[in-house]
Protein backbone atom coordinates (compact mmCIF):
# COMPACT_ATOMS: atom_id res chain seq x y z
CA MET A 1 0.10 -0.02 -0.17
CA LEU A 2 1.60 3.24 -1.00
CA HIS A 3 1.67 5.97 2.14
CA ALA A 4 3.22 9.25 2.13
CA SER A 5 6.02 9.83 4.97
CA SER A 6 6.27 12.47 6.82
CA ASN A 7 8.39 14.30 4.71
CA GLY A 8 5.71 13.77 1.64
CA ASN A 9 7.50 10.74 -0.10
CA ILE A 10 5.70 7.92 -1.00
CA GLU A 11 6.26 5.11 0.59
CA ASP A 12 4.97 1.49 -0.48
CA THR A 13 4.35 -0.26 2.15
CA SER A 14 2.56 -3.42 0.70
CA LYS A 15 2.10 -6.77 1.98
CA SER A 16 2.03 -9.32 -1.01
CA HIS A 17 -1.41 -8.30 -3.25
CA SER A 18 -3.44 -10.34 -5.22
CA VAL A 19 -5.53 -8.65 -8.17
CA VAL A 20 -9.48 -9.29 -7.93
CA GLY A 21 -12.79 -8.91 -9.54
CA ASN A 22 -12.63 -4.81 -11.11
CA GLY A 23 -9.21 -4.73 -11.15
CA ALA A 24 -9.16 -4.17 -7.00
CA THR A 25 -6.27 -5.80 -4.91
CA ALA A 26 -6.62 -7.45 -2.00
CA GLU A 27 -4.41 -8.45 1.08
CA ALA A 28 -4.73 -11.76 2.21
CA SER A 29 -5.12 -10.73 5.95
CA GLN A 30 -7.61 -8.00 4.92
CA PRO A 31 -10.99 -7.48 2.94
CA GLN A 32 -11.08 -6.60 -0.63
CA ARG A 33 -10.98 -2.64 -1.22
CA PHE A 34 -11.82 -1.01 -4.33
CA THR A 35 -9.54 0.66 -6.14
CA PHE A 36 -9.49 3.17 -9.32
CA SER A 37 -8.28 2.39 -12.61
CA PRO A 38 -5.05 3.65 -13.49
CA GLN A 39 -5.90 5.91 -16.30
CA PRO A 40 -7.01 8.89 -16.92
CA THR A 41 -4.62 10.71 -14.54
CA ILE A 42 -5.20 13.72 -12.47
CA GLU A 43 -2.96 15.29 -15.25
CA ASP A 44 -5.08 13.31 -17.84
CA ILE A 45 -8.20 15.04 -16.66
CA ARG A 46 -6.51 18.61 -16.12
CA ARG A 47 -5.49 18.18 -19.73
CA LEU A 48 -9.00 17.05 -21.09
CA GLN A 49 -10.76 20.02 -19.01
CA ALA A 50 -8.21 23.08 -20.39
CA GLU A 51 -8.87 21.47 -24.30
CA PHE A 52 -12.48 21.18 -23.58
CA THR A 53 -12.72 25.03 -21.88
CA ASP A 54 -10.08 26.30 -24.64
CA GLU A 55 -12.34 24.84 -27.93
CA ARG A 56 -15.51 26.88 -26.50
CA ASP A 57 -14.08 29.75 -25.51
CA TRP A 58 -14.53 29.68 -21.74
CA ASN A 59 -11.86 30.48 -20.14
CA GLN A 60 -13.11 34.13 -19.50
CA PHE A 61 -15.35 32.43 -17.37
CA HIS A 62 -13.58 29.63 -15.65
CA GLN A 63 -11.58 32.31 -13.21
CA PRO A 64 -11.17 30.66 -9.43
CA ARG A 65 -14.39 32.20 -7.61
CA ASN A 66 -16.83 31.01 -10.55
CA LEU A 67 -14.99 27.67 -10.41
CA LEU A 68 -15.35 27.57 -6.58
CA LEU A 69 -19.05 28.50 -6.92
CA ALA A 70 -19.94 25.48 -10.15
CA MET A 71 -18.11 22.93 -7.40
CA VAL A 72 -20.04 23.73 -4.95
CA GLY A 73 -23.16 23.55 -6.72
CA GLU A 74 -22.44 20.15 -8.27
CA VAL A 75 -21.63 19.31 -4.32
CA GLY A 76 -24.94 19.92 -3.54
CA GLU A 77 -26.26 18.05 -6.38
CA VAL A 78 -24.63 15.05 -5.13
CA SER A 79 -25.77 15.55 -1.93
CA GLU A 80 -29.64 15.61 -3.84
CA LEU A 81 -28.71 11.66 -4.88
CA PHE A 82 -28.28 10.97 -0.53
CA GLN A 83 -31.10 13.26 0.33
CA TRP A 84 -33.78 11.38 2.63
CA ARG A 85 -32.21 7.87 2.10
CA GLY A 86 -30.73 7.74 5.59
CA GLU A 87 -27.69 5.52 6.07
CA VAL A 88 -25.92 4.30 2.37
CA ALA A 89 -24.33 1.08 2.81
CA GLU A 90 -20.75 1.27 1.17
CA GLY A 91 -21.07 0.00 -2.38
CA LEU A 92 -24.70 1.23 -2.70
CA PRO A 93 -26.19 -2.30 -2.88
CA ASP A 94 -29.66 -0.69 -2.91
CA TRP A 95 -28.95 1.92 -5.78
CA THR A 96 -30.12 0.85 -9.26
CA GLU A 97 -27.48 1.04 -11.55
CA SER A 98 -28.97 4.43 -13.44
CA GLU A 99 -28.94 6.17 -9.41
CA ARG A 100 -25.21 4.71 -9.56
CA GLU A 101 -24.72 6.67 -13.24
CA GLN A 102 -26.30 9.79 -12.24
CA LEU A 103 -23.72 9.73 -8.96
CA ALA A 104 -20.64 8.77 -11.36
CA HIS A 105 -21.51 12.03 -13.55
CA GLU A 106 -22.17 14.14 -10.40
CA LEU A 107 -18.91 12.94 -8.92
CA SER A 108 -17.33 13.87 -11.89
CA ASP A 109 -18.58 17.16 -12.73
CA VAL A 110 -16.91 17.63 -8.60
CA LEU A 111 -13.37 16.14 -9.88
CA ILE A 112 -13.61 18.50 -12.94
CA TYR A 113 -14.35 21.38 -11.01
CA LEU A 114 -11.46 20.86 -8.31
CA VAL A 115 -8.69 19.77 -10.92
CA GLU A 116 -9.61 23.27 -13.16
CA LEU A 117 -9.77 25.09 -9.52
CA ALA A 118 -6.52 23.75 -8.31
CA GLU A 119 -4.95 24.22 -11.98
CA LYS A 120 -6.16 28.44 -12.17
CA CYS A 121 -4.28 28.67 -8.53
CA ARG A 122 -1.56 26.97 -9.65
CA VAL A 123 -1.90 24.34 -6.73
CA ASP A 124 -0.34 20.92 -7.66
CA LEU A 125 -3.11 18.63 -6.58
CA PRO A 126 -0.72 15.23 -6.37
CA GLN A 127 1.67 16.99 -4.19
CA ALA A 128 -0.71 19.02 -2.10
CA VAL A 129 -2.08 15.64 -1.21
CA LEU A 130 1.04 14.27 -0.04
CA ARG A 131 1.96 17.19 1.66
CA LYS A 132 -1.62 16.73 3.45
CA MET A 133 -1.50 13.55 4.17
CA ALA A 134 1.55 13.72 6.24
CA LEU A 135 0.39 16.68 8.40
CA ASN A 136 -2.54 14.37 8.95
CA ARG A 137 -0.24 11.61 9.82
CA MET A 138 1.07 13.82 12.65
CA LYS A 139 -1.83 15.31 14.18
CA TYR A 140 -3.78 11.82 13.98
CA PRO A 141 -0.85 9.37 15.22
CA ALA A 142 -2.88 6.18 14.77
CA SER A 143 -1.87 4.78 18.30
CA LYS A 144 -3.45 7.80 19.90
CA VAL A 145 -6.60 7.98 17.18
CA HIS A 146 -6.91 4.54 16.70
CA GLY A 147 -10.91 3.70 16.44
CA SER A 148 -12.16 7.36 17.39
CA ALA A 149 -13.55 10.10 15.47
CA LYS A 150 -12.38 13.30 17.55
CA LYS A 151 -10.69 16.62 16.01
CA TYR A 152 -6.99 16.64 16.55
CA THR A 153 -7.63 19.39 19.28
CA GLU A 154 -9.42 17.13 21.50
CA TYR A 155 -6.46 14.76 22.39
CA LYS A 156 -4.58 15.23 25.10
CA ASP A 157 -0.61 14.54 24.48
């Protein structure tokens, strides 16, 4: 498994893996986990959206504030899909294929706007994620927070 170390580097701390069903990997001692496909990368998504926007001369409208508001609107559309359902089980076993596809569309919109917002703000998302995960590891050491949902400010040293 890949983890961000405290210095932001990626470390492979995996045990032996085997490929299962949807391309996910499973460790002998852990249940099957969902994994994303390797393509497209975040950079591929950035490039595809930049080409889409350029072809339509939409850069004049795609400034940081507008992209943020559009992303928030799309998050609202994701929220609507979950509204009034109560708790939803992982994997969405009670959802129809149409509902799953609608969720995929709305989550894709959120990701596209997030990537374009990061581009406009000159934030290298993959590197930012590594730095943030390293910070989170320091704020939430597993030995101190295991099984608890408290905020890091609530833990005593």
